[in-house]
PDB file of N, CA and C in Angstrom:
ATOM      1  N   MET A   1      -0.359 -10.574 -28.813  1.00  0.00           N
ATOM      2  CA  MET A   1       1.085 -11.085 -28.181  1.00  0.00           C
ATOM      3  C   MET A   1       2.211 -10.265 -28.287  1.00  0.00           C
ATOM      4  N   ARG A   2       2.821 -10.152 -27.109  1.00  0.00           N
ATOM      5  CA  ARG A   2       4.077  -8.981 -26.981  1.00  0.00           C
ATOM      6  C   ARG A   2       5.020  -9.915 -27.417  1.00  0.00           C
ATOM      7  N   THR A   3       6.088  -9.465 -28.011  1.00  0.00           N
ATOM      8  CA  THR A   3       7.260  -9.937 -28.074  1.00  0.00           C
ATOM      9  C   THR A   3       7.868 -10.209 -26.495  1.00  0.00           C
ATOM     10  N   GLU A   4       8.902 -10.938 -26.498  1.00  0.00           N
ATOM     11  CA  GLU A   4       9.925 -11.345 -25.174  1.00  0.00           C
ATOM     12  C   GLU A   4      10.769  -9.853 -25.316  1.00  0.00           C
ATOM     13  N   ASN A   5      11.625  -9.362 -26.069  1.00  0.00           N
ATOM     14  CA  ASN A   5      12.018  -8.110 -26.352  1.00  0.00           C
ATOM     15  C   ASN A   5      11.040  -7.206 -26.147  1.00  0.00           C
ATOM     16  N   GLN A   6      10.057  -6.878 -26.233  1.00  0.00           N
ATOM     17  CA  GLN A   6       8.746  -5.722 -25.754  1.00  0.00           C
ATOM     18  C   GLN A   6       8.333  -5.568 -24.442  1.00  0.00           C
ATOM     19  N   ILE A   7       8.308  -7.260 -23.618  1.00  0.00           N
ATOM     20  CA  ILE A   7       7.981  -7.010 -22.368  1.00  0.00           C
ATOM     21  C   ILE A   7       9.427  -7.343 -21.858  1.00  0.00           C
ATOM     22  N   GLN A   8      10.680  -7.073 -21.984  1.00  0.00           N
ATOM     23  CA  GLN A   8      11.615  -6.978 -21.445  1.00  0.00           C
ATOM     24  C   GLN A   8      12.105  -5.228 -21.591  1.00  0.00           C
ATOM     25  N   SER A   9      11.919  -4.611 -22.673  1.00  0.00           N
ATOM     26  CA  SER A   9      11.769  -3.375 -22.822  1.00  0.00           C
ATOM     27  C   SER A   9      10.934  -2.760 -21.316  1.00  0.00           C
ATOM     28  N   LYS A  10       9.616  -3.270 -21.750  1.00  0.00           N
ATOM     29  CA  LYS A  10       9.058  -2.352 -20.779  1.00  0.00           C
ATOM     30  C   LYS A  10       9.323  -2.500 -19.042  1.00  0.00           C
ATOM     31  N   ILE A  11       9.542  -4.155 -18.301  1.00  0.00           N
ATOM     32  CA  ILE A  11      10.539  -3.498 -17.464  1.00  0.00           C
ATOM     33  C   ILE A  11      11.390  -3.219 -16.834  1.00  0.00           C
ATOM     34  N   ASN A  12      12.385  -3.095 -18.142  1.00  0.00           N
ATOM     35  CA  ASN A  12      13.106  -2.088 -17.975  1.00  0.00           C
ATOM     36  C   ASN A  12      12.451  -0.580 -17.873  1.00  0.00           C
ATOM     37  N   GLU A  13      11.799  -0.586 -18.494  1.00  0.00           N
ATOM     38  CA  GLU A  13      11.018   0.972 -18.431  1.00  0.00           C
ATOM     39  C   GLU A  13      10.352   1.294 -16.715  1.00  0.00           C
ATOM     40  N   LEU A  14      10.152  -0.115 -16.439  1.00  0.00           N
ATOM     41  CA  LEU A  14       9.394   0.131 -15.362  1.00  0.00           C
ATOM     42  C   LEU A  14      10.129   0.076 -14.040  1.00  0.00           C
ATOM     43  N   THR A  15      11.347  -0.382 -14.355  1.00  0.00           N
ATOM     44  CA  THR A  15      12.709  -0.452 -13.322  1.00  0.00           C
ATOM     45  C   THR A  15      12.481   1.279 -13.240  1.00  0.00           C
ATOM     46  N   LEU A  16      12.750   2.083 -14.242  1.00  0.00           N
ATOM     47  CA  LEU A  16      13.655   2.842 -14.016  1.00  0.00           C
ATOM     48  C   LEU A  16      13.001   4.350 -13.392  1.00  0.00           C
ATOM     49  N   GLN A  17      11.455   4.318 -13.986  1.00  0.00           N
ATOM     50  CA  GLN A  17      10.312   4.888 -12.634  1.00  0.00           C
ATOM     51  C   GLN A  17      10.180   4.523 -11.681  1.00  0.00           C
ATOM     52  N   ARG A  18      10.436   3.056 -10.901  1.00  0.00           N
ATOM     53  CA  ARG A  18      10.263   3.040 -10.151  1.00  0.00           C
ATOM     54  C   ARG A  18      11.693   3.475  -8.720  1.00  0.00           C
ATOM     55  N   ARG A  19      12.930   3.530  -9.616  1.00  0.00           N
ATOM     56  CA  ARG A  19      13.965   4.151  -9.488  1.00  0.00           C
ATOM     57  C   ARG A  19      13.602   5.548  -9.449  1.00  0.00           C
ATOM     58  N   SER A  20      12.937   6.264  -9.923  1.00  0.00           N
ATOM     59  CA  SER A  20      13.528   7.893  -9.802  1.00  0.00           C
ATOM     60  C   SER A  20      11.625   7.582  -8.846  1.00  0.00           C
ATOM     61  N   LEU A  21      10.945   7.357  -8.553  1.00  0.00           N
ATOM     62  CA  LEU A  21      10.397   6.954  -7.577  1.00  0.00           C
ATOM     63  C   LEU A  21      11.239   7.315  -6.020  1.00  0.00           C
ATOM     64  N   GLU A  22      12.037   6.079  -6.000  1.00  0.00           N
ATOM     65  CA  GLU A  22      12.654   5.754  -4.616  1.00  0.00           C
ATOM     66  C   GLU A  22      13.610   7.086  -4.492  1.00  0.00           C
ATOM     67  N   THR A  23      14.129   7.441  -5.727  1.00  0.00           N
ATOM     68  CA  THR A  23      15.359   9.082  -5.088  1.00  0.00           C
ATOM     69  C   THR A  23      14.464  10.050  -4.831  1.00  0.00           C
ATOM     70  N   ARG A  24      13.052  10.412  -5.567  1.00  0.00           N
ATOM     71  CA  ARG A  24      12.124  11.637  -5.158  1.00  0.00           C
ATOM     72  C   ARG A  24      11.863  10.986  -3.304  1.00  0.00           C
ATOM     73  N   LEU A  25      11.524   9.757  -3.010  1.00  0.00           N
ATOM     74  CA  LEU A  25      10.905   9.127  -1.575  1.00  0.00           C
ATOM     75  C   LEU A  25      11.919   9.473  -0.651  1.00  0.00           C
ATOM     76  N   ALA A  26      13.490   9.268  -0.525  1.00  0.00           N
ATOM     77  CA  ALA A  26      15.099   9.521   0.798  1.00  0.00           C
ATOM     78  C   ALA A  26      14.638  10.312   1.225  1.00  0.00           C
ATOM     79  N   PRO A  27      14.363  12.207   0.318  1.00  0.00           N
ATOM     80  CA  PRO A  27      14.500  12.987   1.126  1.00  0.00           C
ATOM     81  C   PRO A  27      13.695  13.029   1.922  1.00  0.00           C
ATOM     82  N   LEU A  28      12.081  12.435   1.643  1.00  0.00           N
ATOM     83  CA  LEU A  28      10.582  12.888   2.313  1.00  0.00           C
ATOM     84  C   LEU A  28      10.755  12.768   3.799  1.00  0.00           C
ATOM     85  N   ASP A  29      10.039  13.379   4.810  1.00  0.00           N
ATOM     86  CA  ASP A  29       9.976  12.987   6.417  1.00  0.00           C
ATOM     87  C   ASP A  29       9.447  11.252   6.028  1.00  0.00           C
ATOM     88  N   SER A  30       9.428  11.177   7.243  1.00  0.00           N
ATOM     89  CA  SER A  30       8.455   9.240   7.991  1.00  0.00           C
ATOM     90  C   SER A  30       7.033  10.208   7.312  1.00  0.00           C
ATOM     91  N   ASP A  31       6.415  10.735   8.090  1.00  0.00           N
ATOM     92  CA  ASP A  31       5.010  11.393   8.182  1.00  0.00           C
ATOM     93  C   ASP A  31       4.355  11.935   6.545  1.00  0.00           C
ATOM     94  N   SER A  32       5.271  12.328   6.107  1.00  0.00           N
ATOM     95  CA  SER A  32       4.659  12.785   4.455  1.00  0.00           C
ATOM     96  C   SER A  32       3.602  11.775   4.217  1.00  0.00           C
ATOM     97  N   SER A  33       2.500  12.754   3.633  1.00  0.00           N
ATOM     98  CA  SER A  33       1.695  12.766   3.248  1.00  0.00           C
ATOM     99  C   SER A  33       1.941  12.361   1.433  1.00  0.00           C
ATOM    100  N   GLN A  34       2.645  12.578   1.200  1.00  0.00           N
ATOM    101  CA  GLN A  34       3.476  12.215  -0.226  1.00  0.00           C
ATOM    102  C   GLN A  34       4.412  10.973  -0.343  1.00  0.00           C
ATOM    103  N   ARG A  35       4.752  10.890   0.936  1.00  0.00           N
ATOM    104  CA  ARG A  35       5.372   9.790   1.016  1.00  0.00           C
ATOM    105  C   ARG A  35       5.230   8.468   0.796  1.00  0.00           C
ATOM    106  N   GLU A  36       3.341   8.344   1.272  1.00  0.00           N
ATOM    107  CA  GLU A  36       2.510   7.515   1.268  1.00  0.00           C
ATOM    108  C   GLU A  36       2.033   7.397  -0.999  1.00  0.00           C
ATOM    109  N   SER A  37       1.773   8.699  -1.017  1.00  0.00           N
ATOM    110  CA  SER A  37       1.651   7.986  -2.290  1.00  0.00           C
ATOM    111  C   SER A  37       3.052   7.889  -3.404  1.00  0.00           C
ATOM    112  N   LEU A  38       3.511   7.837  -2.619  1.00  0.00           N
ATOM    113  CA  LEU A  38       5.243   7.367  -3.720  1.00  0.00           C
ATOM    114  C   LEU A  38       5.460   6.572  -2.805  1.00  0.00           C
ATOM    115  N   ASN A  39       4.976   5.851  -2.091  1.00  0.00           N
ATOM    116  CA  ASN A  39       5.053   4.202  -1.908  1.00  0.00           C
ATOM    117  C   ASN A  39       4.014   3.188  -2.588  1.00  0.00           C
ATOM    118  N   ALA A  40       2.703   4.156  -2.197  1.00  0.00           N
ATOM    119  CA  ALA A  40       1.870   2.992  -3.330  1.00  0.00           C
ATOM    120  C   ALA A  40       2.312   3.111  -4.699  1.00  0.00           C
ATOM    121  N   GLN A  41       2.103   4.007  -5.021  1.00  0.00           N
ATOM    122  CA  GLN A  41       2.997   4.616  -6.313  1.00  0.00           C
ATOM    123  C   GLN A  41       4.097   3.209  -7.228  1.00  0.00           C
ATOM    124  N   ILE A  42       4.727   2.941  -5.963  1.00  0.00           N
ATOM    125  CA  ILE A  42       6.369   1.887  -6.059  1.00  0.00           C
ATOM    126  C   ILE A  42       5.623   0.228  -5.925  1.00  0.00           C
ATOM    127  N   GLY A  43       4.497   0.746  -5.273  1.00  0.00           N
ATOM    128  CA  GLY A  43       4.308  -0.518  -5.131  1.00  0.00           C
ATOM    129  C   GLY A  43       3.517  -1.426  -6.148  1.00  0.00           C
ATOM    130  N   ARG A  44       2.358  -0.371  -6.972  1.00  0.00           N
ATOM    131  CA  ARG A  44       2.033  -0.239  -8.473  1.00  0.00           C
ATOM    132  C   ARG A  44       3.282  -0.858  -9.047  1.00  0.00           C
ATOM    133  N   LEU A  45       4.664  -0.311  -9.476  1.00  0.00           N
ATOM    134  CA  LEU A  45       5.323  -0.593 -10.434  1.00  0.00           C
ATOM    135  C   LEU A  45       5.605  -2.142  -9.781  1.00  0.00           C
ATOM    136  N   GLU A  46       5.542  -2.284  -8.728  1.00  0.00           N
ATOM    137  CA  GLU A  46       6.508  -3.469  -8.610  1.00  0.00           C
ATOM    138  C   GLU A  46       5.843  -5.011  -8.781  1.00  0.00           C
ATOM    139  N   ASP A  47       4.473  -4.491  -8.784  1.00  0.00           N
ATOM    140  CA  ASP A  47       3.493  -5.537  -9.235  1.00  0.00           C
ATOM    141  C   ASP A  47       3.345  -5.768 -10.772  1.00  0.00           C
ATOM    142  N   MET A  48       2.958  -4.302 -11.649  1.00  0.00           N
ATOM    143  CA  MET A  48       3.959  -4.602 -12.619  1.00  0.00           C
ATOM    144  C   MET A  48       4.885  -5.581 -12.987  1.00  0.00           C
ATOM    145  N   ILE A  49       6.027  -4.991 -12.779  1.00  0.00           N
ATOM    146  CA  ILE A  49       7.555  -5.950 -12.831  1.00  0.00           C
ATOM    147  C   ILE A  49       7.263  -7.244 -12.263  1.00  0.00           C
ATOM    148  N   LEU A  50       7.103  -7.772 -11.852  1.00  0.00           N
ATOM    149  CA  LEU A  50       6.734  -9.210 -11.333  1.00  0.00           C
ATOM    150  C   LEU A  50       5.991  -9.572 -12.112  1.00  0.00           C
ATOM    151  N   MET A  51       4.247  -8.999 -12.411  1.00  0.00           N
ATOM    152  CA  MET A  51       3.605  -9.678 -13.476  1.00  0.00           C
ATOM    153  C   MET A  51       4.652  -9.659 -14.779  1.00  0.00           C
ATOM    154  N   LEU A  52       5.511  -8.978 -15.069  1.00  0.00           N
ATOM    155  CA  LEU A  52       5.722  -9.013 -16.300  1.00  0.00           C
ATOM    156  C   LEU A  52       6.933  -9.728 -16.691  1.00  0.00           C
ATOM    157  N   GLU A  53       7.900 -10.213 -15.688  1.00  0.00           N
ATOM    158  CA  GLU A  53       8.818 -11.197 -15.292  1.00  0.00           C
ATOM    159  C   GLU A  53       7.934 -12.764 -15.509  1.00  0.00           C
ATOM    160  N   TRP A  54       7.012 -12.369 -14.820  1.00  0.00           N
ATOM    161  CA  TRP A  54       6.034 -14.422 -14.913  1.00  0.00           C
ATOM    162  C   TRP A  54       6.054 -14.098 -16.319  1.00  0.00           C
ATOM    163  N   VAL A  55       5.341 -13.671 -16.608  1.00  0.00           N
ATOM    164  CA  VAL A  55       5.073 -13.920 -18.232  1.00  0.00           C
ATOM    165  C   VAL A  55       6.446 -14.087 -19.496  1.00  0.00           C
ATOM    166  N   LEU A  56       7.783 -13.670 -18.670  1.00  0.00           N
ATOM    167  CA  LEU A  56       8.437 -13.992 -19.495  1.00  0.00           C
ATOM    168  C   LEU A  56       9.298 -15.345 -19.244  1.00  0.00           C
ATOM    169  N   ASN A  57       8.742 -15.563 -17.988  1.00  0.00           N
ATOM    170  CA  ASN A  57       9.562 -17.130 -16.963  1.00  0.00           C
ATOM    171  C   ASN A  57       7.628 -17.752 -16.869  1.00  0.00           C
ATOM    172  N   ALA A  58       7.038 -17.693 -17.807  1.00  0.00           N
ATOM    173  CA  ALA A  58       5.821 -18.553 -17.330  1.00  0.00           C
ATOM    174  C   ALA A  58       6.182 -20.316 -17.345  1.00  0.00           C
ATOM    175  N   PRO A  59       5.124 -20.587 -16.285  1.00  0.00           N
ATOM    176  CA  PRO A  59       5.649 -21.823 -15.838  1.00  0.00           C
ATOM    177  C   PRO A  59       5.051 -23.047 -17.528  1.00  0.00           C
ATOM    178  N   SER A  60       5.768 -23.890 -17.649  1.00  0.00           N
ATOM    179  CA  SER A  60       5.357 -25.022 -18.877  1.00  0.00           C
ATOM    180  C   SER A  60       4.659 -25.545 -18.057  1.00  0.00           C
ATOM    181  N   GLY A  61       3.460 -26.998 -19.113  1.00  0.00           N
ATOM    182  CA  GLY A  61       3.693 -27.809 -18.548  1.00  0.00           C
ATOM    183  C   GLY A  61       2.116 -28.337 -17.473  1.00  0.00           C
ATOM    184  N   LYS A  62       1.956 -29.295 -16.781  1.00  0.00           N
ATOM    185  CA  LYS A  62       0.437 -29.422 -15.800  1.00  0.00           C
ATOM    186  C   LYS A  62       1.451 -29.211 -14.529  1.00  0.00           C
ATOM    187  N   TYR A  63       0.119 -28.626 -14.125  1.00  0.00           N
ATOM    188  CA  TYR A  63       0.263 -28.346 -12.536  1.00  0.00           C
ATOM    189  C   TYR A  63       0.123 -29.552 -12.409  1.00  0.00           C
ATOM    190  N   HIS A  64      -0.519 -30.096 -11.901  1.00  0.00           N
ATOM    191  CA  HIS A  64      -0.218 -31.849 -11.128  1.00  0.00           C
ATOM    192  C   HIS A  64      -0.331 -32.771 -12.239  1.00  0.00           C
ATOM    193  N   ALA A  65       1.137 -33.580 -12.144  1.00  0.00           N
ATOM    194  CA  ALA A  65       1.214 -34.520 -13.093  1.00  0.00           C
ATOM    195  C   ALA A  65       0.720 -35.765 -12.996  1.00  0.00           C
TER     196      ALA A  65
END
C-alpha cells in the first residue's frame, strides 16, 4: 500500500507530464497524426490522475445505508 505522500507525488509527476504533452501539442496542425498520438497520451495520463485522486479521496461507508 502506498502512502498518501507517495500518491500525491505521483499525481504531481503525472500532471507535469500532461503539461509537457500539452505544450508539445499546442503548435501542431489540427490534422497532424502526431496530434492524435499526443491526445491519446494526454487522455491516458488524465485517467491515471483521476484514479489516483479517487484513491486519495476514497469514499467511506456503505453505498446503501
